[in-house]
């Protein structure tokens, strides 16, 4: 076997040595530069710690009520203290148990008169960030009438985990979008936050709203009893999870109830990604469990996948869609809804397989002007008016 010339061996050895030194230096800087900043031990106020924090730092906040409006610094984490049993589970405001540290570490907006989000992330950045273990509560209704969420996630991709959001009289809980208030100006960055294991309730607007360029992963949240202003708790109509334009969140393993629609789409538009709704429990809503409203008169190429959900007890249909190009229902249990289990109108193609559709007060499945349908392996029974009700031509 031929040996490499000596000069090439020297060059290769030097290359590996330089690479190892550079890698070691980067690892050393990244691992040693990150610091923990403690509130209230080191800083009286959270914003004081935020001003001092650097990229990669974590602000650890002890129990208490903090009446501050916060803007997270790029690349910084904010976590409630786990000391003294902070990671033990306690009964929460709904069915879900929550962390002790979440209940005892509170960001309160009741005394903040100037309109604005209670908590915001930096715009248009891929930096890793995390907000973990807080109760965000009590934003007032502002005299200006502007509709403001408790938390704004705009053009960035943080982790929002283990929190409680409630008591916003201005609007809803979390906004994930590439657009701002009033749906502009547009941003190129896609918002890809992880919104996981939160409890969201009793706000005057949507629980989680997704604007254009939202590709949020929304999972294991409990969302209930959010109402539009003036509707009152007896007639809650705000969606648990809302979307508009070309938002495409992934919605999995959530528990949504006592709302308007569990998942509602307003002025929904074409986009390259499918909308995926999987393994959720949607029940006791004033509207459909899942409902999409498309821009009137618009031809769409919208594809939706709905699978392994339980959808029951809603005042209108379990699932209601119109003007969707391609929709797939599989392995869902859709029962005891006040109208049909599934209503599809002007849907170009529907695949309905292996669902259990029962006990709905009109038809199990109602198809209106749906030219292409494939149905297989469904159990459709004990629906009041019909198992399958077809209006218009089907092939």
Protein backbone atom coordinates (compact mmCIF):
# COMPACT_ATOMS: atom_id res chain seq x y z
CA UNK A 1 0.00 0.00 0.00
CA UNK A 2 1.40 3.40 -0.99
CA UNK A 3 2.13 5.88 1.78
CA UNK A 4 1.13 9.55 1.56
CA UNK A 5 4.01 11.96 1.11
CA UNK A 6 5.34 13.33 4.39
CA UNK A 7 4.16 16.88 3.69
CA UNK A 8 0.55 15.70 3.25
CA UNK A 9 0.68 13.74 6.50
CA UNK A 10 1.89 16.88 8.30
CA UNK A 11 -0.92 18.93 6.74
CA UNK A 12 -3.57 16.39 7.80
CA UNK A 13 -2.23 16.21 11.35
CA UNK A 14 -2.23 20.00 11.61
CA UNK A 15 -5.77 20.15 10.25
CA UNK A 16 -7.10 17.72 12.87
CA UNK A 17 -5.25 19.51 15.66
CA UNK A 18 -6.65 22.90 14.60
CA UNK A 19 -10.17 21.43 14.27
CA UNK A 20 -9.93 19.86 17.72
CA UNK A 21 -8.72 23.11 19.26
CA UNK A 22 -11.48 25.14 17.57
CA UNK A 23 -14.18 22.64 18.61
CA UNK A 24 -12.85 22.52 22.18
CA UNK A 25 -12.71 26.28 22.33
CA UNK A 26 -16.31 26.63 21.04
CA UNK A 27 -17.56 24.00 23.50
CA UNK A 28 -15.65 25.62 26.37
CA UNK A 29 -17.00 29.10 25.58
CA UNK A 30 -20.60 27.91 25.09
CA UNK A 31 -20.62 25.74 28.21
CA UNK A 32 -18.76 28.13 30.50
CA UNK A 33 -20.35 31.40 29.40
CA UNK A 34 -23.91 30.36 30.31
CA UNK A 35 -24.89 31.61 33.75
CA UNK A 36 -27.85 31.32 36.11
CA UNK A 37 -29.32 34.60 37.34
CA UNK A 38 -31.57 34.39 40.38
CA UNK A 39 -34.62 36.52 41.22
CA UNK A 40 -35.11 37.82 43.89
CA UNK A 41 -31.76 36.73 45.39
CA UNK A 42 -29.52 38.52 42.86
CA UNK A 43 -32.06 40.91 41.29
CA UNK A 44 -35.18 42.41 42.81
CA UNK A 45 -37.05 42.59 39.50
CA UNK A 46 -37.16 40.16 36.58
CA UNK A 47 -36.43 42.91 34.04
CA UNK A 48 -33.26 43.83 35.93
CA UNK A 49 -32.07 40.25 35.50
CA UNK A 50 -33.17 40.34 31.85
CA UNK A 51 -31.06 43.42 31.17
CA UNK A 52 -28.02 41.74 32.69
CA UNK A 53 -28.55 38.35 31.03
CA UNK A 54 -26.49 37.25 28.03
CA UNK A 55 -27.09 34.71 25.28
CA UNK A 56 -27.42 31.23 26.81
CA UNK A 57 -28.17 32.41 30.34
CA UNK A 58 -31.09 31.18 32.42
CA UNK A 59 -33.08 33.42 34.76
CA UNK A 60 -34.37 31.34 37.69
CA UNK A 61 -37.27 33.01 39.46
CA UNK A 62 -38.38 32.22 42.99
CA UNK A 63 -41.96 32.09 44.28
CA UNK A 64 -43.90 35.34 44.33
CA UNK A 65 -46.13 37.72 42.39
CA UNK A 66 -44.26 39.86 39.85
CA UNK A 67 -46.19 42.78 38.39
CA UNK A 68 -43.99 43.38 35.36
CA UNK A 69 -44.32 43.49 31.58
CA UNK A 70 -41.53 41.34 30.20
CA UNK A 71 -39.65 41.08 26.91
CA UNK A 72 -37.37 38.05 26.85
CA UNK A 73 -33.84 38.68 25.68
CA UNK A 74 -32.65 36.74 22.62
CA UNK A 75 -31.25 33.33 23.54
CA UNK A 76 -32.23 33.60 27.24
CA UNK A 77 -34.34 31.11 29.23
CA UNK A 78 -36.77 32.00 32.02
CA UNK A 79 -37.62 29.21 34.47
CA UNK A 80 -39.38 29.11 37.82
CA UNK A 81 -37.40 27.70 40.73
CA UNK A 82 -37.76 23.97 41.38
CA UNK A 83 -36.50 24.21 44.96
CA UNK A 84 -38.68 23.14 47.92
CA UNK A 85 -40.75 20.65 45.93
CA UNK A 86 -41.29 22.85 42.89
CA UNK A 87 -41.59 19.89 40.52
CA UNK A 88 -44.26 18.14 42.57
CA UNK A 89 -47.71 17.96 40.97
CA UNK A 90 -50.76 19.70 42.41
CA UNK A 91 -54.44 19.92 41.34
CA UNK A 92 -54.80 22.62 38.69
CA UNK A 93 -57.68 24.89 37.69
CA UNK A 94 -59.04 22.24 35.30
CA UNK A 95 -58.66 18.47 35.07
CA UNK A 96 -54.91 18.51 34.59
CA UNK A 97 -52.39 18.44 37.43
CA UNK A 98 -49.77 21.18 37.32
CA UNK A 99 -46.33 21.82 38.81
CA UNK A 100 -46.12 23.45 42.23
CA UNK A 101 -43.64 25.99 40.87
CA UNK A 102 -46.14 27.02 38.20
CA UNK A 103 -48.79 27.81 40.79
CA UNK A 104 -46.51 29.81 43.07
CA UNK A 105 -44.60 31.89 40.47
CA UNK A 106 -46.95 34.50 39.02
CA UNK A 107 -46.57 37.19 36.35
CA UNK A 108 -49.48 39.58 36.94
CA UNK A 109 -50.61 42.30 34.55
CA UNK A 110 -53.48 43.80 36.51
CA UNK A 111 -51.65 47.04 37.40
CA UNK A 112 -50.14 47.70 33.95
CA UNK A 113 -52.20 50.50 32.39
CA UNK A 114 -50.21 51.05 29.17
CA UNK A 115 -51.47 48.72 26.38
CA UNK A 116 -49.11 45.92 25.37
CA UNK A 117 -48.51 42.20 25.57
CA UNK A 118 -47.74 40.98 29.06
CA UNK A 119 -44.90 38.81 27.74
CA UNK A 120 -43.10 39.04 24.38
CA UNK A 121 -40.24 37.26 22.65
CA UNK A 122 -37.70 38.94 20.37
CA UNK A 123 -38.81 39.02 16.73
CA UNK A 124 -37.39 37.12 13.81
CA UNK A 125 -34.73 34.96 15.48
CA UNK A 126 -33.87 31.24 15.47
CA UNK A 127 -32.27 31.51 18.94
CA UNK A 128 -33.26 28.80 21.43
CA UNK A 129 -35.39 30.17 24.28
CA UNK A 130 -37.61 28.65 26.96
CA UNK A 131 -40.33 29.91 29.31
CA UNK A 132 -41.11 27.20 31.83
CA UNK A 133 -43.34 27.09 34.88
CA UNK A 134 -45.28 30.35 35.40
CA UNK A 135 -48.80 31.58 35.90
CA UNK A 136 -49.51 34.52 33.56
CA UNK A 137 -52.67 36.31 34.62
CA UNK A 138 -54.90 39.40 34.73
CA UNK A 139 -54.51 41.79 31.83
CA UNK A 140 -57.09 44.62 31.93
CA UNK A 141 -59.40 45.72 29.14
CA UNK A 142 -57.62 48.75 27.70
CA UNK A 143 -59.49 51.96 26.93
CA UNK A 144 -58.03 51.99 23.41
CA UNK A 145 -59.96 48.80 22.63
CA UNK A 146 -56.88 47.12 21.13
CA UNK A 147 -56.98 43.32 21.36
CA UNK A 148 -53.80 42.06 22.97
CA UNK A 149 -52.78 38.55 23.93
CA UNK A 150 -50.99 37.68 27.14
CA UNK A 151 -48.02 36.24 25.21
CA UNK A 152 -46.73 37.14 21.74
CA UNK A 153 -44.60 34.65 19.79
CA UNK A 154 -43.71 36.37 16.53
CA UNK A 155 -41.25 34.98 14.00
CA UNK A 156 -39.34 32.91 16.58
CA UNK A 157 -39.39 29.38 17.96
CA UNK A 158 -39.22 29.20 21.76
CA UNK A 159 -40.42 26.47 24.11
CA UNK A 160 -43.47 27.56 26.12
CA UNK A 161 -44.03 24.76 28.61
CA UNK A 162 -45.69 24.04 31.97
CA UNK A 163 -47.49 27.40 32.27
CA UNK A 164 -50.96 28.65 33.18
CA UNK A 165 -52.63 31.53 31.29
CA UNK A 166 -55.87 33.12 32.52
CA UNK A 167 -57.77 36.31 33.22
CA UNK A 168 -56.95 38.39 30.13
CA UNK A 169 -59.81 40.85 29.67
CA UNK A 170 -58.15 42.36 26.60
CA UNK A 171 -58.15 39.23 24.38
CA UNK A 172 -56.69 35.72 24.36
CA UNK A 173 -53.72 33.84 25.81
CA UNK A 174 -51.01 33.04 23.21
CA UNK A 175 -50.42 34.45 19.71
CA UNK A 176 -48.06 32.51 17.44
CA UNK A 177 -47.52 34.25 14.11
CA UNK A 178 -45.25 35.77 11.51
CA UNK A 179 -47.46 38.86 11.68
CA UNK A 180 -48.25 41.36 14.40
CA UNK A 181 -51.31 43.14 15.75
CA UNK A 182 -53.72 43.88 12.91
CA UNK A 183 -52.05 41.07 10.90
CA UNK A 184 -49.08 43.12 9.71
CA UNK A 185 -46.41 43.86 8.77
CA UNK A 186 -45.46 40.54 7.20
CA UNK A 187 -42.33 38.70 8.31
CA UNK A 188 -40.39 36.05 6.45
CA UNK A 189 -39.54 34.05 9.57
CA UNK A 190 -41.80 31.14 10.43
CA UNK A 191 -42.91 30.88 14.06
CA UNK A 192 -42.21 27.31 15.18
CA UNK A 193 -42.78 27.42 18.94
CA UNK A 194 -43.35 24.34 21.05
CA UNK A 195 -46.47 25.08 23.14
CA UNK A 196 -46.72 22.13 25.49
CA UNK A 197 -48.31 21.14 28.79
CA UNK A 198 -49.98 24.51 29.47
CA UNK A 199 -53.39 25.23 31.02
CA UNK A 200 -55.28 28.07 29.31
CA UNK A 201 -58.69 29.25 30.50
CA UNK A 202 -61.00 32.17 31.28
CA UNK A 203 -59.62 34.65 28.73
CA UNK A 204 -61.69 37.00 26.53
CA UNK A 205 -60.47 35.56 23.26
CA UNK A 206 -58.84 32.47 21.69
CA UNK A 207 -56.73 30.20 23.83
CA UNK A 208 -53.97 29.82 21.22
CA UNK A 209 -54.21 31.85 18.01
CA UNK A 210 -52.10 31.05 14.95
CA UNK A 211 -51.56 33.72 12.30
CA UNK A 212 -49.81 33.42 8.96
CA UNK A 213 -46.41 31.73 9.15
CA UNK A 214 -47.29 29.87 12.32
CA UNK A 215 -46.07 26.28 12.33
CA UNK A 216 -46.44 25.86 16.08
CA UNK A 217 -46.38 22.42 17.66
CA UNK A 218 -49.31 22.50 20.11
CA UNK A 219 -49.52 19.44 22.33
CA UNK A 220 -50.64 18.19 25.74
CA UNK A 221 -52.41 21.46 26.62
CA UNK A 222 -55.69 21.84 28.50
CA UNK A 223 -57.78 24.70 27.07
CA UNK A 224 -61.26 25.57 28.29
CA UNK A 225 -63.85 28.28 28.93
CA UNK A 226 -62.32 31.10 26.89
CA UNK A 227 -65.02 33.53 25.78
CA UNK A 228 -65.40 36.44 23.43
CA UNK A 229 -66.04 39.73 25.30
CA UNK A 230 -69.66 40.15 26.27
CA UNK A 231 -70.69 36.56 25.55
CA UNK A 232 -70.48 35.48 29.18
CA UNK A 233 -69.63 32.08 30.56
CA UNK A 234 -73.05 30.68 29.61
CA UNK A 235 -72.30 31.13 25.92
CA UNK A 236 -68.57 30.66 25.33
CA UNK A 237 -67.67 31.00 21.66
CA UNK A 238 -63.94 31.72 21.42
CA UNK A 239 -61.97 28.84 19.89
CA UNK A 240 -59.56 26.89 22.02
CA UNK A 241 -57.09 26.83 19.11
CA UNK A 242 -57.67 29.30 16.28
CA UNK A 243 -55.92 29.82 12.97
CA UNK A 244 -56.20 32.02 9.96
CA UNK A 245 -54.56 32.65 6.62
CA UNK A 246 -51.85 30.05 5.90
CA UNK A 247 -51.11 29.01 9.48
CA UNK A 248 -50.32 25.30 9.75
CA UNK A 249 -49.88 24.31 13.40
CA UNK A 250 -49.53 20.66 14.38
CA UNK A 251 -52.24 19.96 16.98
CA UNK A 252 -51.80 16.76 18.98
CA UNK A 253 -52.87 15.34 22.37
CA UNK A 254 -54.78 18.40 23.60
CA UNK A 255 -57.85 18.47 25.85
CA UNK A 256 -60.26 21.24 24.75
CA UNK A 257 -63.76 21.78 26.14
CA UNK A 258 -66.43 24.35 27.06
CA UNK A 259 -65.35 26.67 24.26
CA UNK A 260 -66.67 27.77 20.87
CA UNK A 261 -64.85 25.48 18.45
CA UNK A 262 -62.03 23.40 19.83
CA UNK A 263 -60.17 24.10 16.58
CA UNK A 264 -61.44 26.94 14.39
CA UNK A 265 -60.07 28.32 11.15
CA UNK A 266 -61.13 31.76 9.89
CA UNK A 267 -60.26 32.99 6.39
CA UNK A 268 -58.12 29.90 5.88
CA UNK A 269 -55.83 29.95 2.81
CA UNK A 270 -53.69 27.68 0.66
CA UNK A 271 -50.26 26.64 1.87
CA UNK A 272 -47.77 23.90 0.98
CA UNK A 273 -48.12 22.09 4.34
CA UNK A 274 -51.02 19.91 5.48
CA UNK A 275 -53.00 20.77 8.59
CA UNK A 276 -52.57 17.88 11.05
CA UNK A 277 -54.96 17.33 14.00
CA UNK A 278 -54.26 14.11 15.90
CA UNK A 279 -54.99 12.35 19.23
CA UNK A 280 -57.02 15.17 20.79
CA UNK A 281 -60.16 15.20 22.94
CA UNK A 282 -62.58 17.95 21.83
CA UNK A 283 -65.89 18.12 23.66
CA UNK A 284 -68.82 20.22 24.92
CA UNK A 285 -68.23 23.17 22.60
CA UNK A 286 -70.85 25.71 21.52
CA UNK A 287 -69.86 25.27 17.88
CA UNK A 288 -68.27 22.45 15.92
CA UNK A 289 -65.47 20.45 17.48
CA UNK A 290 -63.33 21.26 14.42
CA UNK A 291 -64.49 23.88 11.92
CA UNK A 292 -62.76 25.66 9.04
CA UNK A 293 -64.23 28.70 7.33
CA UNK A 294 -62.58 29.48 4.00
CA UNK A 295 -62.47 32.93 2.40
CA UNK A 296 -65.75 33.28 0.48
CA UNK A 297 -65.51 32.67 -3.25
CA UNK A 298 -61.94 31.36 -3.08
CA UNK A 299 -60.84 28.10 -4.67
CA UNK A 300 -58.49 26.37 -2.28
CA UNK A 301 -55.88 23.62 -2.31
CA UNK A 302 -56.10 22.98 1.43
CA UNK A 303 -55.30 19.50 2.74
CA UNK A 304 -56.34 18.37 6.21
CA UNK A 305 -55.55 15.17 8.15
CA UNK A 306 -57.76 14.42 11.17
CA UNK A 307 -57.00 11.16 12.98
CA UNK A 308 -57.38 9.42 16.35
CA UNK A 309 -59.46 12.18 17.94
CA UNK A 310 -62.44 11.95 20.30
CA UNK A 311 -65.04 14.60 19.39
CA UNK A 312 -68.27 14.66 21.35
CA UNK A 313 -71.07 16.72 22.86
CA UNK A 314 -70.62 19.79 20.65
CA UNK A 315 -73.68 21.98 20.03
CA UNK A 316 -73.19 21.88 16.27
CA UNK A 317 -71.37 19.24 14.25
CA UNK A 318 -68.45 17.23 15.47
CA UNK A 319 -66.49 18.25 12.36
CA UNK A 320 -67.61 20.90 9.86
CA UNK A 321 -65.51 21.87 6.82
CA UNK A 322 -66.24 23.75 3.61
CA UNK A 323 -64.22 24.33 0.43
CA UNK A 324 -61.34 22.11 1.48
CA UNK A 325 -59.55 20.42 -1.40
CA UNK A 326 -58.50 17.15 0.22
CA UNK A 327 -59.47 15.87 3.66
CA UNK A 328 -58.71 12.58 5.42
CA UNK A 329 -60.59 11.30 8.49
CA UNK A 330 -59.36 8.11 10.08
CA UNK A 331 -59.60 6.34 13.45
CA UNK A 332 -61.74 9.07 15.05
CA UNK A 333 -64.56 8.59 17.54
CA UNK A 334 -67.29 11.19 16.83
CA UNK A 335 -70.38 10.89 18.99
CA UNK A 336 -73.29 12.61 20.74
CA UNK A 337 -72.98 15.90 18.84
CA UNK A 338 -76.15 18.02 18.52
CA UNK A 339 -76.06 17.98 14.72
CA UNK A 340 -74.18 15.68 12.34
CA UNK A 341 -71.01 13.89 13.29
CA UNK A 342 -69.25 15.06 10.10
CA UNK A 343 -70.51 17.76 7.71
CA UNK A 344 -68.54 18.40 4.52
CA UNK A 345 -69.60 21.07 2.00
CA UNK A 346 -67.91 21.70 -1.36
CA UNK A 347 -65.00 19.43 -0.50
CA UNK A 348 -63.28 18.13 -3.62
CA UNK A 349 -62.00 14.84 -2.17
CA UNK A 350 -62.73 13.08 1.14
CA UNK A 351 -61.25 9.88 2.56
CA UNK A 352 -63.25 8.61 5.55
CA UNK A 353 -61.91 5.34 6.98
CA UNK A 354 -62.12 3.36 10.22
CA UNK A 355 -64.08 5.94 12.22
CA UNK A 356 -66.72 5.34 14.89
CA UNK A 357 -69.59 7.78 14.29
CA UNK A 358 -72.54 7.26 16.61
CA UNK A 359 -75.37 8.88 18.54
CA UNK A 360 -75.34 12.22 16.70
CA UNK A 361 -78.67 14.04 16.59
CA UNK A 362 -78.91 14.31 12.81
CA UNK A 363 -76.80 12.34 10.31
CA UNK A 364 -73.65 10.46 11.11
CA UNK A 365 -71.97 11.79 7.95
CA UNK A 366 -73.49 14.53 5.78
CA UNK A 367 -71.93 15.19 2.37
CA UNK A 368 -73.00 18.26 0.38
CA UNK A 369 -71.48 18.62 -3.09
CA UNK A 370 -68.55 16.32 -2.38
CA UNK A 371 -67.80 14.74 -5.76
CA UNK A 372 -65.13 12.23 -4.67
CA UNK A 373 -65.53 10.16 -1.52
CA UNK A 374 -63.85 6.98 -0.32
CA UNK A 375 -65.48 5.42 2.77
CA UNK A 376 -64.25 2.18 4.27
CA UNK A 377 -64.30 0.37 7.60
CA UNK A 378 -66.48 2.89 9.45
CA UNK A 379 -68.97 2.09 12.22
CA UNK A 380 -71.87 4.51 11.73
CA UNK A 381 -74.85 3.78 13.96
CA UNK A 382 -77.58 5.17 16.24
CA UNK A 383 -77.59 8.55 14.49
CA UNK A 384 -81.08 10.09 14.53
CA UNK A 385 -81.89 10.99 10.92
CA UNK A 386 -79.44 8.97 8.80
CA UNK A 387 -76.17 7.14 8.86
CA UNK A 388 -74.93 8.80 5.66
CA UNK A 389 -76.78 11.75 4.08
CA UNK A 390 -75.66 12.69 0.55
CA UNK A 391 -76.72 15.85 -1.29
CA UNK A 392 -75.28 16.29 -4.77
CA UNK A 393 -73.34 13.87 -6.95
CA UNK A 394 -70.78 11.47 -5.52
CA UNK A 395 -68.41 9.11 -7.27
